[in-house]
Amino acid sequence: MRFVEETGSTNADMMAWVEQGVPEGAWLRAGRQTGGRGRMGRSWESREGNLYCSTAVRLRALDPTPHTLALVAANAVHALIAPLADGQARIKWPNDVLVDDAKIAGILLERAGDAVIVGIGINVKDHPQGLDRPVTSLAAQGAGEAEAGDMLERLTGLFAHWLAIWRAQGLDPVRTHWLLNAHPTGTPMRVNLPDESVLEGRFETLDRDGMLILRLADGGTRAIHAGDILLIR
């Protein structure tokens, strides 16, 4: 595990490490990122005291589909946050963790040759204000004593646990656990698709490949392979 005070992006650094042959299981944590990014091309505001980290998974021939590592990471982050937060922690597809519907953590997967880079950001001490969606932090959730370094120590074990299950038993147990800790069936949601079209419906389930199944107003369903999800309240 390596720590740097500041970097542009832990994911970008980990990609460079992968090219240099870094083994699976290496982790990088930064005290601050100057070019952090999230899904759908968003920037990730990197405030002091929060957790910004990345790791690499070296893909093997019999591994499940690489994109399902999003569920592995989400299970690990949820298990880390849920016991610490005053509110109820839930996973939002594909890999955000919310507390009482406010985002507290995000995960970004990026492919680098035979590896998948898993970047994780958790609001520990602080969270941004004035965004278009609710955001929170562990400090705001009654866990002001939480420290980013200690959080990562626990996260590495939780991630290794779910990665081992994913490899040994396949996606099913990972998917089942994800569903137990996700937004409930019937949750209204809006999906902003990559082509800029918008769908509204209710959460139905995840299919066997980890895709979100949206129940539409006409009773039909739609499999969502990529998109930005907003819960409607």
C-alpha atoms as a PDB file:
ATOM      1  CA  MET A   1       0.000   0.000   0.000  1.00  0.00           C
ATOM      2  CA  ARG A   2       1.433   3.357  -1.037  1.00  0.00           C
ATOM      3  CA  PHE A   3       0.421   6.839   0.106  1.00  0.00           C
ATOM      4  CA  VAL A   4       1.103  10.139  -1.675  1.00  0.00           C
ATOM      5  CA  GLU A   5       0.135  13.557  -0.358  1.00  0.00           C
ATOM      6  CA  GLU A   6      -1.155  14.739  -3.732  1.00  0.00           C
ATOM      7  CA  THR A   7      -1.578  13.415  -7.248  1.00  0.00           C
ATOM      8  CA  GLY A   8      -3.677  14.108 -10.297  1.00  0.00           C
ATOM      9  CA  SER A   9      -5.675  10.868 -10.157  1.00  0.00           C
ATOM     10  CA  THR A  10      -5.019   7.624  -8.286  1.00  0.00           C
ATOM     11  CA  ASN A  11      -6.614   5.725 -11.192  1.00  0.00           C
ATOM     12  CA  ALA A  12      -4.221   7.295 -13.685  1.00  0.00           C
ATOM     13  CA  ASP A  13      -1.271   6.479 -11.434  1.00  0.00           C
ATOM     14  CA  MET A  14      -2.444   2.901 -11.009  1.00  0.00           C
ATOM     15  CA  MET A  15      -2.763   2.545 -14.784  1.00  0.00           C
ATOM     16  CA  ALA A  16       0.888   3.523 -15.104  1.00  0.00           C
ATOM     17  CA  TRP A  17       1.792   0.993 -12.411  1.00  0.00           C
ATOM     18  CA  VAL A  18      -0.088  -1.732 -14.286  1.00  0.00           C
ATOM     19  CA  GLU A  19       1.989  -1.019 -17.368  1.00  0.00           C
ATOM     20  CA  GLN A  20       5.076  -1.435 -15.186  1.00  0.00           C
ATOM     21  CA  GLY A  21       3.840  -4.848 -13.975  1.00  0.00           C
ATOM     22  CA  VAL A  22       2.440  -4.027 -10.541  1.00  0.00           C
ATOM     23  CA  PRO A  23       0.878  -7.167  -9.010  1.00  0.00           C
ATOM     24  CA  GLU A  24      -2.773  -7.539  -8.138  1.00  0.00           C
ATOM     25  CA  GLY A  25      -3.543  -6.362  -4.635  1.00  0.00           C
ATOM     26  CA  ALA A  26      -1.465  -3.179  -4.738  1.00  0.00           C
ATOM     27  CA  TRP A  27      -3.291  -0.101  -3.436  1.00  0.00           C
ATOM     28  CA  LEU A  28      -2.566   3.603  -3.825  1.00  0.00           C
ATOM     29  CA  ARG A  29      -4.059   6.298  -1.561  1.00  0.00           C
ATOM     30  CA  ALA A  30      -3.753  10.030  -2.076  1.00  0.00           C
ATOM     31  CA  GLY A  31      -4.356  12.751   0.483  1.00  0.00           C
ATOM     32  CA  ARG A  32      -5.666  14.936  -2.305  1.00  0.00           C
ATOM     33  CA  GLN A  33      -6.348  14.638  -6.035  1.00  0.00           C
ATOM     34  CA  THR A  34      -6.060  17.571  -8.426  1.00  0.00           C
ATOM     35  CA  GLY A  35      -7.701  15.763 -11.348  1.00  0.00           C
ATOM     36  CA  GLY A  36     -10.036  13.236  -9.741  1.00  0.00           C
ATOM     37  CA  ARG A  37     -12.846  11.989 -11.925  1.00  0.00           C
ATOM     38  CA  GLY A  38     -16.025   9.996 -11.625  1.00  0.00           C
ATOM     39  CA  ARG A  39     -18.342   8.147 -13.964  1.00  0.00           C
ATOM     40  CA  MET A  40     -19.816   9.774 -17.085  1.00  0.00           C
ATOM     41  CA  GLY A  41     -16.840  12.150 -17.307  1.00  0.00           C
ATOM     42  CA  ARG A  42     -17.634  14.047 -14.107  1.00  0.00           C
ATOM     43  CA  SER A  43     -14.925  15.624 -12.011  1.00  0.00           C
ATOM     44  CA  TRP A  44     -14.602  14.379  -8.429  1.00  0.00           C
ATOM     45  CA  GLU A  45     -14.022  17.116  -5.892  1.00  0.00           C
ATOM     46  CA  SER A  46     -11.118  15.992  -3.713  1.00  0.00           C
ATOM     47  CA  ARG A  47     -11.311  17.590  -0.287  1.00  0.00           C
ATOM     48  CA  GLU A  48      -8.720  17.054   2.417  1.00  0.00           C
ATOM     49  CA  GLY A  49      -9.416  14.201   4.822  1.00  0.00           C
ATOM     50  CA  ASN A  50     -11.461  12.058   2.449  1.00  0.00           C
ATOM     51  CA  LEU A  51     -10.437   8.688   1.025  1.00  0.00           C
ATOM     52  CA  TYR A  52      -9.145   8.565  -2.548  1.00  0.00           C
ATOM     53  CA  CYS A  53      -7.683   5.214  -3.541  1.00  0.00           C
ATOM     54  CA  SER A  54      -7.232   2.761  -6.405  1.00  0.00           C
ATOM     55  CA  THR A  55      -6.294  -0.865  -6.855  1.00  0.00           C
ATOM     56  CA  ALA A  56      -5.850  -3.233  -9.791  1.00  0.00           C
ATOM     57  CA  VAL A  57      -7.417  -6.609 -10.520  1.00  0.00           C
ATOM     58  CA  ARG A  58      -5.455  -8.763 -12.967  1.00  0.00           C
ATOM     59  CA  LEU A  59      -8.038 -10.640 -15.031  1.00  0.00           C
ATOM     60  CA  ARG A  60      -7.856 -14.425 -15.323  1.00  0.00           C
ATOM     61  CA  ALA A  61      -9.319 -16.723 -17.975  1.00  0.00           C
ATOM     62  CA  LEU A  62     -12.151 -18.073 -15.794  1.00  0.00           C
ATOM     63  CA  ASP A  63     -13.102 -14.810 -14.096  1.00  0.00           C
ATOM     64  CA  PRO A  64     -16.674 -13.508 -14.440  1.00  0.00           C
ATOM     65  CA  THR A  65     -17.291 -10.584 -16.802  1.00  0.00           C
ATOM     66  CA  PRO A  66     -14.932  -7.714 -15.878  1.00  0.00           C
ATOM     67  CA  HIS A  67     -17.661  -5.057 -15.547  1.00  0.00           C
ATOM     68  CA  THR A  68     -19.178  -7.029 -12.653  1.00  0.00           C
ATOM     69  CA  LEU A  69     -16.221  -5.982 -10.504  1.00  0.00           C
ATOM     70  CA  ALA A  70     -18.394  -2.904  -9.936  1.00  0.00           C
ATOM     71  CA  LEU A  71     -20.643  -5.111  -7.777  1.00  0.00           C
ATOM     72  CA  VAL A  72     -17.625  -6.520  -5.928  1.00  0.00           C
ATOM     73  CA  ALA A  73     -16.396  -3.030  -5.101  1.00  0.00           C
ATOM     74  CA  ALA A  74     -19.853  -1.794  -4.134  1.00  0.00           C
ATOM     75  CA  ASN A  75     -20.344  -4.695  -1.713  1.00  0.00           C
ATOM     76  CA  ALA A  76     -16.993  -3.936  -0.080  1.00  0.00           C
ATOM     77  CA  VAL A  77     -17.620  -0.194   0.237  1.00  0.00           C
ATOM     78  CA  HIS A  78     -21.133  -0.742   1.582  1.00  0.00           C
ATOM     79  CA  ALA A  79     -19.806  -3.147   4.232  1.00  0.00           C
ATOM     80  CA  LEU A  80     -17.266  -0.511   5.272  1.00  0.00           C
ATOM     81  CA  ILE A  81     -19.719   2.381   5.520  1.00  0.00           C
ATOM     82  CA  ALA A  82     -22.912   0.759   6.835  1.00  0.00           C
ATOM     83  CA  PRO A  83     -21.720   0.135  10.433  1.00  0.00           C
ATOM     84  CA  LEU A  84     -20.362   3.690  10.762  1.00  0.00           C
ATOM     85  CA  ALA A  85     -23.205   5.834   9.436  1.00  0.00           C
ATOM     86  CA  ASP A  86     -26.189   6.951  11.495  1.00  0.00           C
ATOM     87  CA  GLY A  87     -28.466   6.643   8.457  1.00  0.00           C
ATOM     88  CA  GLN A  88     -29.202   3.647   6.260  1.00  0.00           C
ATOM     89  CA  ALA A  89     -26.529   2.843   3.701  1.00  0.00           C
ATOM     90  CA  ARG A  90     -27.747   1.581   0.344  1.00  0.00           C
ATOM     91  CA  ILE A  91     -26.053   0.721  -2.958  1.00  0.00           C
ATOM     92  CA  LYS A  92     -27.249   2.542  -6.079  1.00  0.00           C
ATOM     93  CA  TRP A  93     -26.571   0.911  -9.435  1.00  0.00           C
ATOM     94  CA  PRO A  94     -24.036   0.416 -10.639  1.00  0.00           C
ATOM     95  CA  ASN A  95     -21.637   1.334  -7.850  1.00  0.00           C
ATOM     96  CA  ASP A  96     -22.519   4.364  -5.754  1.00  0.00           C
ATOM     97  CA  VAL A  97     -23.155   4.064  -2.038  1.00  0.00           C
ATOM     98  CA  LEU A  98     -25.768   6.365  -0.500  1.00  0.00           C
ATOM     99  CA  VAL A  99     -26.776   7.085   3.080  1.00  0.00           C
ATOM    100  CA  ASP A 100     -30.433   8.063   3.346  1.00  0.00           C
ATOM    101  CA  ASP A 101     -30.373   8.754  -0.407  1.00  0.00           C
ATOM    102  CA  ALA A 102     -27.341  11.092  -0.200  1.00  0.00           C
ATOM    103  CA  LYS A 103     -24.187   9.989  -2.004  1.00  0.00           C
ATOM    104  CA  ILE A 104     -21.262   9.201   0.268  1.00  0.00           C
ATOM    105  CA  ALA A 105     -19.039   7.101  -2.021  1.00  0.00           C
ATOM    106  CA  GLY A 106     -18.367   6.532  -5.697  1.00  0.00           C
ATOM    107  CA  ILE A 107     -16.509   3.893  -7.664  1.00  0.00           C
ATOM    108  CA  LEU A 108     -14.900   4.151 -11.099  1.00  0.00           C
ATOM    109  CA  LEU A 109     -13.755   1.120 -13.108  1.00  0.00           C
ATOM    110  CA  GLU A 110     -11.329   1.549 -16.000  1.00  0.00           C
ATOM    111  CA  ARG A 111      -9.724  -1.107 -18.194  1.00  0.00           C
ATOM    112  CA  ALA A 112      -5.951  -1.220 -18.621  1.00  0.00           C
ATOM    113  CA  GLY A 113      -4.854  -4.169 -20.750  1.00  0.00           C
ATOM    114  CA  ASP A 114      -5.381  -7.378 -18.794  1.00  0.00           C
ATOM    115  CA  ALA A 115      -6.308  -5.441 -15.658  1.00  0.00           C
ATOM    116  CA  VAL A 116      -9.248  -3.489 -14.306  1.00  0.00           C
ATOM    117  CA  ILE A 117      -8.440  -0.393 -12.276  1.00  0.00           C
ATOM    118  CA  VAL A 118     -10.890   0.102  -9.400  1.00  0.00           C
ATOM    119  CA  GLY A 119     -10.975   3.664  -8.087  1.00  0.00           C
ATOM    120  CA  ILE A 120     -12.883   4.429  -4.883  1.00  0.00           C
ATOM    121  CA  GLY A 121     -13.703   7.767  -3.316  1.00  0.00           C
ATOM    122  CA  ILE A 122     -15.396   8.063   0.086  1.00  0.00           C
ATOM    123  CA  ASN A 123     -16.455  11.297   1.764  1.00  0.00           C
ATOM    124  CA  VAL A 124     -14.948  10.803   5.213  1.00  0.00           C
ATOM    125  CA  LYS A 125     -14.410  14.257   6.740  1.00  0.00           C
ATOM    126  CA  ASP A 126     -16.234  16.551   4.324  1.00  0.00           C
ATOM    127  CA  HIS A 127     -18.544  16.673   1.318  1.00  0.00           C
ATOM    128  CA  PRO A 128     -19.221  19.203  -1.431  1.00  0.00           C
ATOM    129  CA  GLN A 129     -22.149  21.594  -1.299  1.00  0.00           C
ATOM    130  CA  GLY A 130     -24.513  22.937  -3.937  1.00  0.00           C
ATOM    131  CA  LEU A 131     -24.597  19.910  -6.224  1.00  0.00           C
ATOM    132  CA  ASP A 132     -27.600  18.746  -8.239  1.00  0.00           C
ATOM    133  CA  ARG A 133     -28.075  15.762  -5.898  1.00  0.00           C
ATOM    134  CA  PRO A 134     -27.805  15.121  -2.143  1.00  0.00           C
ATOM    135  CA  VAL A 135     -24.308  14.379  -0.818  1.00  0.00           C
ATOM    136  CA  THR A 136     -23.063  13.479   2.662  1.00  0.00           C
ATOM    137  CA  SER A 137     -19.973  12.318   4.548  1.00  0.00           C
ATOM    138  CA  LEU A 138     -19.151  10.009   7.424  1.00  0.00           C
ATOM    139  CA  ALA A 139     -18.503  13.043   9.638  1.00  0.00           C
ATOM    140  CA  ALA A 140     -21.998  14.315   8.864  1.00  0.00           C
ATOM    141  CA  GLN A 141     -23.302  10.820   9.644  1.00  0.00           C
ATOM    142  CA  GLY A 142     -21.931  10.769  13.189  1.00  0.00           C
ATOM    143  CA  ALA A 143     -18.565   9.138  12.445  1.00  0.00           C
ATOM    144  CA  GLY A 144     -16.337  12.159  12.895  1.00  0.00           C
ATOM    145  CA  GLU A 145     -13.565   9.988  14.342  1.00  0.00           C
ATOM    146  CA  ALA A 146     -13.167   8.048  11.063  1.00  0.00           C
ATOM    147  CA  GLU A 147      -9.798   8.513   9.336  1.00  0.00           C
ATOM    148  CA  ALA A 148      -9.061   7.835   5.675  1.00  0.00           C
ATOM    149  CA  GLY A 149      -5.985   5.697   6.354  1.00  0.00           C
ATOM    150  CA  ASP A 150      -7.815   3.448   8.805  1.00  0.00           C
ATOM    151  CA  MET A 151     -10.744   3.195   6.393  1.00  0.00           C
ATOM    152  CA  LEU A 152      -8.457   1.917   3.653  1.00  0.00           C
ATOM    153  CA  GLU A 153      -6.930  -0.695   5.968  1.00  0.00           C
ATOM    154  CA  ARG A 154     -10.407  -2.173   6.449  1.00  0.00           C
ATOM    155  CA  LEU A 155     -11.450  -1.680   2.838  1.00  0.00           C
ATOM    156  CA  THR A 156      -8.559  -3.736   1.464  1.00  0.00           C
ATOM    157  CA  GLY A 157      -9.703  -6.765   3.464  1.00  0.00           C
ATOM    158  CA  LEU A 158     -13.350  -6.363   2.485  1.00  0.00           C
ATOM    159  CA  PHE A 159     -12.460  -5.980  -1.184  1.00  0.00           C
ATOM    160  CA  ALA A 160     -10.211  -9.062  -1.074  1.00  0.00           C
ATOM    161  CA  HIS A 161     -13.056 -11.018   0.566  1.00  0.00           C
ATOM    162  CA  TRP A 162     -15.582 -10.204  -2.175  1.00  0.00           C
ATOM    163  CA  LEU A 163     -13.014 -10.600  -4.937  1.00  0.00           C
ATOM    164  CA  ALA A 164     -12.282 -14.124  -3.707  1.00  0.00           C
ATOM    165  CA  ILE A 165     -16.002 -14.982  -3.715  1.00  0.00           C
ATOM    166  CA  TRP A 166     -16.378 -13.531  -7.235  1.00  0.00           C
ATOM    167  CA  ARG A 167     -13.506 -15.707  -8.445  1.00  0.00           C
ATOM    168  CA  ALA A 168     -14.359 -18.926  -6.609  1.00  0.00           C
ATOM    169  CA  GLN A 169     -18.168 -18.907  -6.747  1.00  0.00           C
ATOM    170  CA  GLY A 170     -19.009 -16.647  -9.672  1.00  0.00           C
ATOM    171  CA  LEU A 171     -21.272 -13.634  -9.823  1.00  0.00           C
ATOM    172  CA  ASP A 172     -24.411 -15.102  -8.204  1.00  0.00           C
ATOM    173  CA  PRO A 173     -23.468 -14.659  -4.503  1.00  0.00           C
ATOM    174  CA  VAL A 174     -22.045 -11.205  -5.237  1.00  0.00           C
ATOM    175  CA  ARG A 175     -25.242 -10.201  -7.049  1.00  0.00           C
ATOM    176  CA  THR A 176     -27.447 -11.636  -4.284  1.00  0.00           C
ATOM    177  CA  HIS A 177     -25.626  -9.657  -1.589  1.00  0.00           C
ATOM    178  CA  TRP A 178     -25.722  -6.506  -3.728  1.00  0.00           C
ATOM    179  CA  LEU A 179     -29.506  -6.817  -4.081  1.00  0.00           C
ATOM    180  CA  LEU A 180     -29.939  -7.225  -0.325  1.00  0.00           C
ATOM    181  CA  ASN A 181     -28.236  -3.879   0.245  1.00  0.00           C
ATOM    182  CA  ALA A 182     -29.491  -1.903  -2.757  1.00  0.00           C
ATOM    183  CA  HIS A 183     -32.442   0.363  -3.370  1.00  0.00           C
ATOM    184  CA  PRO A 184     -35.591  -1.788  -2.896  1.00  0.00           C
ATOM    185  CA  THR A 185     -37.580  -3.281  -5.748  1.00  0.00           C
ATOM    186  CA  GLY A 186     -40.061  -0.681  -6.969  1.00  0.00           C
ATOM    187  CA  THR A 187     -37.840   2.339  -6.246  1.00  0.00           C
ATOM    188  CA  PRO A 188     -38.704   5.076  -8.793  1.00  0.00           C
ATOM    189  CA  MET A 189     -35.717   6.168 -10.855  1.00  0.00           C
ATOM    190  CA  ARG A 190     -34.699   8.268 -13.818  1.00  0.00           C
ATOM    191  CA  VAL A 191     -31.990   6.982 -16.157  1.00  0.00           C
ATOM    192  CA  ASN A 192     -29.932   9.404 -18.230  1.00  0.00           C
ATOM    193  CA  LEU A 193     -28.599   7.220 -21.039  1.00  0.00           C
ATOM    194  CA  PRO A 194     -25.275   7.757 -22.857  1.00  0.00           C
ATOM    195  CA  ASP A 195     -27.155   8.934 -25.983  1.00  0.00           C
ATOM    196  CA  GLU A 196     -28.703  11.710 -23.815  1.00  0.00           C
ATOM    197  CA  SER A 197     -32.167  10.166 -23.877  1.00  0.00           C
ATOM    198  CA  VAL A 198     -34.004   9.744 -20.565  1.00  0.00           C
ATOM    199  CA  LEU A 199     -36.028   6.827 -19.212  1.00  0.00           C
ATOM    200  CA  GLU A 200     -38.199   6.708 -16.110  1.00  0.00           C
ATOM    201  CA  GLY A 201     -39.422   3.613 -14.352  1.00  0.00           C
ATOM    202  CA  ARG A 202     -38.989   1.526 -11.243  1.00  0.00           C
ATOM    203  CA  PHE A 203     -36.112  -0.656 -10.164  1.00  0.00           C
ATOM    204  CA  GLU A 204     -36.925  -4.308 -10.814  1.00  0.00           C
ATOM    205  CA  THR A 205     -33.706  -6.284 -10.256  1.00  0.00           C
ATOM    206  CA  LEU A 206     -30.281  -7.030 -11.696  1.00  0.00           C
ATOM    207  CA  ASP A 207     -30.073  -9.623 -14.448  1.00  0.00           C
ATOM    208  CA  ARG A 208     -27.572 -12.483 -14.346  1.00  0.00           C
ATOM    209  CA  ASP A 209     -24.947 -10.263 -15.969  1.00  0.00           C
ATOM    210  CA  GLY A 210     -25.348  -7.456 -13.442  1.00  0.00           C
ATOM    211  CA  MET A 211     -27.368  -5.174 -15.702  1.00  0.00           C
ATOM    212  CA  LEU A 212     -30.144  -3.072 -14.165  1.00  0.00           C
ATOM    213  CA  ILE A 213     -33.679  -4.085 -15.138  1.00  0.00           C
ATOM    214  CA  LEU A 214     -36.047  -1.104 -15.219  1.00  0.00           C
ATOM    215  CA  ARG A 215     -39.813  -1.651 -15.045  1.00  0.00           C
ATOM    216  CA  LEU A 216     -41.469   0.854 -17.392  1.00  0.00           C
ATOM    217  CA  ALA A 217     -44.872   2.503 -17.013  1.00  0.00           C
ATOM    218  CA  ASP A 218     -46.370   0.264 -19.731  1.00  0.00           C
ATOM    219  CA  GLY A 219     -45.424  -2.831 -17.753  1.00  0.00           C
ATOM    220  CA  GLY A 220     -42.487  -3.785 -19.940  1.00  0.00           C
ATOM    221  CA  THR A 221     -38.870  -3.914 -18.846  1.00  0.00           C
ATOM    222  CA  ARG A 222     -35.651  -2.472 -20.176  1.00  0.00           C
ATOM    223  CA  ALA A 223     -32.127  -3.709 -19.488  1.00  0.00           C
ATOM    224  CA  ILE A 224     -29.796  -0.793 -18.731  1.00  0.00           C
ATOM    225  CA  HIS A 225     -26.179  -1.439 -19.682  1.00  0.00           C
ATOM    226  CA  ALA A 226     -24.867   2.059 -18.938  1.00  0.00           C
ATOM    227  CA  GLY A 227     -26.341   5.280 -17.632  1.00  0.00           C
ATOM    228  CA  ASP A 228     -26.591   7.788 -14.828  1.00  0.00           C
ATOM    229  CA  ILE A 229     -29.262   6.861 -12.266  1.00  0.00           C
ATOM    230  CA  LEU A 230     -31.231   9.396 -10.235  1.00  0.00           C
ATOM    231  CA  LEU A 231     -33.596   8.152  -7.560  1.00  0.00           C
ATOM    232  CA  ILE A 232     -36.956   9.922  -7.665  1.00  0.00           C
ATOM    233  CA  ARG A 233     -38.475  10.880  -4.330  1.00  0.00           C
END
